[in-house]
C-alpha atoms as a PDB file:
ATOM      1  CA  UNK A   1     110.277 105.546  84.260  1.00  0.00           C
ATOM      2  CA  UNK A   2     108.432 103.867  81.455  1.00  0.00           C
ATOM      3  CA  UNK A   3     106.342 100.723  80.991  1.00  0.00           C
ATOM      4  CA  UNK A   4     104.282  98.988  78.385  1.00  0.00           C
ATOM      5  CA  UNK A   5     101.045  97.053  78.765  1.00  0.00           C
ATOM      6  CA  UNK A   6      99.888  94.888  75.833  1.00  0.00           C
ATOM      7  CA  UNK A   7      96.598  93.050  75.275  1.00  0.00           C
ATOM      8  CA  UNK A   8      96.939  89.266  74.898  1.00  0.00           C
ATOM      9  CA  UNK A   9      93.322  88.057  74.669  1.00  0.00           C
ATOM     10  CA  UNK A  10      90.039  88.430  76.541  1.00  0.00           C
ATOM     11  CA  UNK A  11      90.813  90.538  79.596  1.00  0.00           C
ATOM     12  CA  UNK A  12      94.426  89.308  79.801  1.00  0.00           C
ATOM     13  CA  UNK A  13      97.295  91.705  79.370  1.00  0.00           C
ATOM     14  CA  UNK A  14     101.101  91.585  79.870  1.00  0.00           C
ATOM     15  CA  UNK A  15     103.031  94.376  81.431  1.00  0.00           C
ATOM     16  CA  UNK A  16     106.658  95.042  80.792  1.00  0.00           C
ATOM     17  CA  UNK A  17     108.721  97.411  82.924  1.00  0.00           C
ATOM     18  CA  UNK A  18     111.484  99.565  81.557  1.00  0.00           C
ATOM     19  CA  UNK A  19     113.933  97.285  83.397  1.00  0.00           C
ATOM     20  CA  UNK A  20     112.619  94.276  81.435  1.00  0.00           C
ATOM     21  CA  UNK A  21     110.439  92.556  84.004  1.00  0.00           C
ATOM     22  CA  UNK A  22     107.088  91.039  82.964  1.00  0.00           C
ATOM     23  CA  UNK A  23     103.814  90.565  84.774  1.00  0.00           C
ATOM     24  CA  UNK A  24     100.432  89.165  83.747  1.00  0.00           C
ATOM     25  CA  UNK A  25      97.331  91.255  84.487  1.00  0.00           C
ATOM     26  CA  UNK A  26      93.861  89.825  84.088  1.00  0.00           C
ATOM     27  CA  UNK A  27      90.486  91.536  84.480  1.00  0.00           C
ATOM     28  CA  UNK A  28      88.744  88.114  84.599  1.00  0.00           C
ATOM     29  CA  UNK A  29      88.089  86.933  88.157  1.00  0.00           C
ATOM     30  CA  UNK A  30      89.832  84.561  88.649  1.00  0.00           C
ATOM     31  CA  UNK A  31      92.054  84.995  85.699  1.00  0.00           C
ATOM     32  CA  UNK A  32      95.537  84.072  84.717  1.00  0.00           C
ATOM     33  CA  UNK A  33      97.091  86.990  86.549  1.00  0.00           C
ATOM     34  CA  UNK A  34      96.500  89.565  89.208  1.00  0.00           C
ATOM     35  CA  UNK A  35      93.883  92.245  88.579  1.00  0.00           C
ATOM     36  CA  UNK A  36      95.040  95.837  88.404  1.00  0.00           C
ATOM     37  CA  UNK A  37      93.575  96.521  91.838  1.00  0.00           C
ATOM     38  CA  UNK A  38      95.358  93.458  93.274  1.00  0.00           C
ATOM     39  CA  UNK A  39      98.561  94.872  91.732  1.00  0.00           C
ATOM     40  CA  UNK A  40      98.031  98.025  93.754  1.00  0.00           C
ATOM     41  CA  UNK A  41      97.879  96.014  96.979  1.00  0.00           C
ATOM     42  CA  UNK A  42     100.984  94.103  95.919  1.00  0.00           C
ATOM     43  CA  UNK A  43     102.745  97.347  95.104  1.00  0.00           C
ATOM     44  CA  UNK A  44     102.127  98.912  98.488  1.00  0.00           C
ATOM     45  CA  UNK A  45     103.070  95.628 100.188  1.00  0.00           C
ATOM     46  CA  UNK A  46     106.270  95.248  98.224  1.00  0.00           C
ATOM     47  CA  UNK A  47     107.362  98.909  98.576  1.00  0.00           C
ATOM     48  CA  UNK A  48     106.765  99.023 102.330  1.00  0.00           C
ATOM     49  CA  UNK A  49     108.273  95.553 102.976  1.00  0.00           C
ATOM     50  CA  UNK A  50     111.466  96.526 101.174  1.00  0.00           C
ATOM     51  CA  UNK A  51     111.668  99.613 103.458  1.00  0.00           C
ATOM     52  CA  UNK A  52     111.051  97.623 106.627  1.00  0.00           C
ATOM     53  CA  UNK A  53     113.674  94.972 105.931  1.00  0.00           C
ATOM     54  CA  UNK A  54     116.214  97.587 104.828  1.00  0.00           C
ATOM     55  CA  UNK A  55     115.683  99.772 107.893  1.00  0.00           C
ATOM     56  CA  UNK A  56     115.892  96.735 110.247  1.00  0.00           C
ATOM     57  CA  UNK A  57     119.070  95.482 108.563  1.00  0.00           C
ATOM     58  CA  UNK A  58     120.677  98.935 108.931  1.00  0.00           C
ATOM     59  CA  UNK A  59     119.727  98.837 112.595  1.00  0.00           C
ATOM     60  CA  UNK A  60     121.610  95.514 112.851  1.00  0.00           C
ATOM     61  CA  UNK A  61     118.469  93.511 113.653  1.00  0.00           C
ATOM     62  CA  UNK A  62     118.591  89.784 112.812  1.00  0.00           C
ATOM     63  CA  UNK A  63     115.616  89.468 110.452  1.00  0.00           C
ATOM     64  CA  UNK A  64     115.017  85.938 109.148  1.00  0.00           C
ATOM     65  CA  UNK A  65     111.562  86.516 107.513  1.00  0.00           C
ATOM     66  CA  UNK A  66     109.137  89.271 106.746  1.00  0.00           C
ATOM     67  CA  UNK A  67     105.716  89.324 105.123  1.00  0.00           C
ATOM     68  CA  UNK A  68     102.872  91.707 105.087  1.00  0.00           C
ATOM     69  CA  UNK A  69      99.198  90.760 105.086  1.00  0.00           C
ATOM     70  CA  UNK A  70      97.124  93.327 103.159  1.00  0.00           C
ATOM     71  CA  UNK A  71      93.409  93.941 103.199  1.00  0.00           C
ATOM     72  CA  UNK A  72      91.776  96.506 100.984  1.00  0.00           C
ATOM     73  CA  UNK A  73      88.146  97.641 101.161  1.00  0.00           C
ATOM     74  CA  UNK A  74      86.684  99.140  98.016  1.00  0.00           C
ATOM     75  CA  UNK A  75      83.623 101.329  97.603  1.00  0.00           C
ATOM     76  CA  UNK A  76      80.476  99.686  96.180  1.00  0.00           C
ATOM     77  CA  UNK A  77      79.928 102.210  93.361  1.00  0.00           C
ATOM     78  CA  UNK A  78      81.836 102.625  90.091  1.00  0.00           C
ATOM     79  CA  UNK A  79      84.699 103.406  89.992  1.00  0.00           C
ATOM     80  CA  UNK A  80      85.408 100.785  92.700  1.00  0.00           C
ATOM     81  CA  UNK A  81      88.410 102.597  94.263  1.00  0.00           C
ATOM     82  CA  UNK A  82      89.959 101.600  97.546  1.00  0.00           C
ATOM     83  CA  UNK A  83      88.608 103.460 100.548  1.00  0.00           C
ATOM     84  CA  UNK A  84      90.756 101.709 103.147  1.00  0.00           C
ATOM     85  CA  UNK A  85      93.891  99.543 103.037  1.00  0.00           C
ATOM     86  CA  UNK A  86      95.328  97.869 106.139  1.00  0.00           C
ATOM     87  CA  UNK A  87      98.830  96.387 106.281  1.00  0.00           C
ATOM     88  CA  UNK A  88      99.913  93.947 109.008  1.00  0.00           C
ATOM     89  CA  UNK A  89     103.663  93.343 108.965  1.00  0.00           C
ATOM     90  CA  UNK A  90     104.835  90.022 110.398  1.00  0.00           C
ATOM     91  CA  UNK A  91     108.557  90.212 111.100  1.00  0.00           C
ATOM     92  CA  UNK A  92     110.472  87.141 112.297  1.00  0.00           C
ATOM     93  CA  UNK A  93     113.998  87.175 113.623  1.00  0.00           C
ATOM     94  CA  UNK A  94     116.377  86.349 116.422  1.00  0.00           C
ATOM     95  CA  UNK A  95     116.173  88.779 119.350  1.00  0.00           C
ATOM     96  CA  UNK A  96     114.397  91.486 117.404  1.00  0.00           C
ATOM     97  CA  UNK A  97     113.745  94.676 119.353  1.00  0.00           C
ATOM     98  CA  UNK A  98     110.045  95.461 119.121  1.00  0.00           C
ATOM     99  CA  UNK A  99     110.849  99.180 119.291  1.00  0.00           C
ATOM    100  CA  UNK A 100     113.029  98.774 116.188  1.00  0.00           C
ATOM    101  CA  UNK A 101     110.283  96.945 114.272  1.00  0.00           C
ATOM    102  CA  UNK A 102     107.714  99.611 115.236  1.00  0.00           C
ATOM    103  CA  UNK A 103     110.136 102.339 114.125  1.00  0.00           C
ATOM    104  CA  UNK A 104     110.871 100.598 110.769  1.00  0.00           C
ATOM    105  CA  UNK A 105     107.165 100.161 110.023  1.00  0.00           C
ATOM    106  CA  UNK A 106     106.370 103.739 110.969  1.00  0.00           C
ATOM    107  CA  UNK A 107     109.218 105.121 108.935  1.00  0.00           C
ATOM    108  CA  UNK A 108     108.194 103.175 105.873  1.00  0.00           C
ATOM    109  CA  UNK A 109     104.542 104.144 106.050  1.00  0.00           C
ATOM    110  CA  UNK A 110     105.101 107.811 106.970  1.00  0.00           C
ATOM    111  CA  UNK A 111     108.279 108.755 105.156  1.00  0.00           C
ATOM    112  CA  UNK A 112     109.755 106.252 102.659  1.00  0.00           C
ATOM    113  CA  UNK A 113     107.133 104.114 100.868  1.00  0.00           C
ATOM    114  CA  UNK A 114     106.309 106.055  97.688  1.00  0.00           C
ATOM    115  CA  UNK A 115     103.293 103.928  96.966  1.00  0.00           C
ATOM    116  CA  UNK A 116     101.779 104.462 100.392  1.00  0.00           C
ATOM    117  CA  UNK A 117     102.495 108.200 100.396  1.00  0.00           C
ATOM    118  CA  UNK A 118     100.866 108.586  96.951  1.00  0.00           C
ATOM    119  CA  UNK A 119      97.798 106.497  97.870  1.00  0.00           C
ATOM    120  CA  UNK A 120      97.192 108.110 101.236  1.00  0.00           C
ATOM    121  CA  UNK A 121      95.990 111.270  99.490  1.00  0.00           C
ATOM    122  CA  UNK A 122      92.736 109.432  98.705  1.00  0.00           C
ATOM    123  CA  UNK A 123      92.765 106.176 100.683  1.00  0.00           C
ATOM    124  CA  UNK A 124      92.730 105.679 104.460  1.00  0.00           C
ATOM    125  CA  UNK A 125      95.855 103.550 105.152  1.00  0.00           C
ATOM    126  CA  UNK A 126      96.416 101.892 108.481  1.00  0.00           C
ATOM    127  CA  UNK A 127      99.110  99.526 109.668  1.00  0.00           C
ATOM    128  CA  UNK A 128     100.098  97.155 112.480  1.00  0.00           C
ATOM    129  CA  UNK A 129     102.890  94.701 113.093  1.00  0.00           C
ATOM    130  CA  UNK A 130     103.779  91.459 114.872  1.00  0.00           C
ATOM    131  CA  UNK A 131     107.217  90.342 116.017  1.00  0.00           C
ATOM    132  CA  UNK A 132     107.954  86.607 116.034  1.00  0.00           C
ATOM    133  CA  UNK A 133     111.012  84.872 117.450  1.00  0.00           C
ATOM    134  CA  UNK A 134     112.770  82.574 114.953  1.00  0.00           C
END
């Protein structure tokens, strides 16, 4: 896997993935794009959400929506790394089995989400979920 990050101006950069997708990163707060640390939250949220939806669909659950609310706490000293990240999955569907949602979230966070598994070596990662009827 390869990627390229190029300076645009100020603290603004563009990132291009090997597959040709582009993102704007900005170290200015607020800037014209997400900061690199915000991108980490988005990455763990995206990776785990893909797993959760995939697992639920394979279990023949009728998912109509899924989002994850993320909160990251960073240390006060430089480098300002994350010390704790919490993910709350909100899964909406028709007749969803809570047991299946719990299983999907646990499997993602403990077995499948590459981003979570990589980060958990240095960051405390916790998770919860909510099931809503469509």
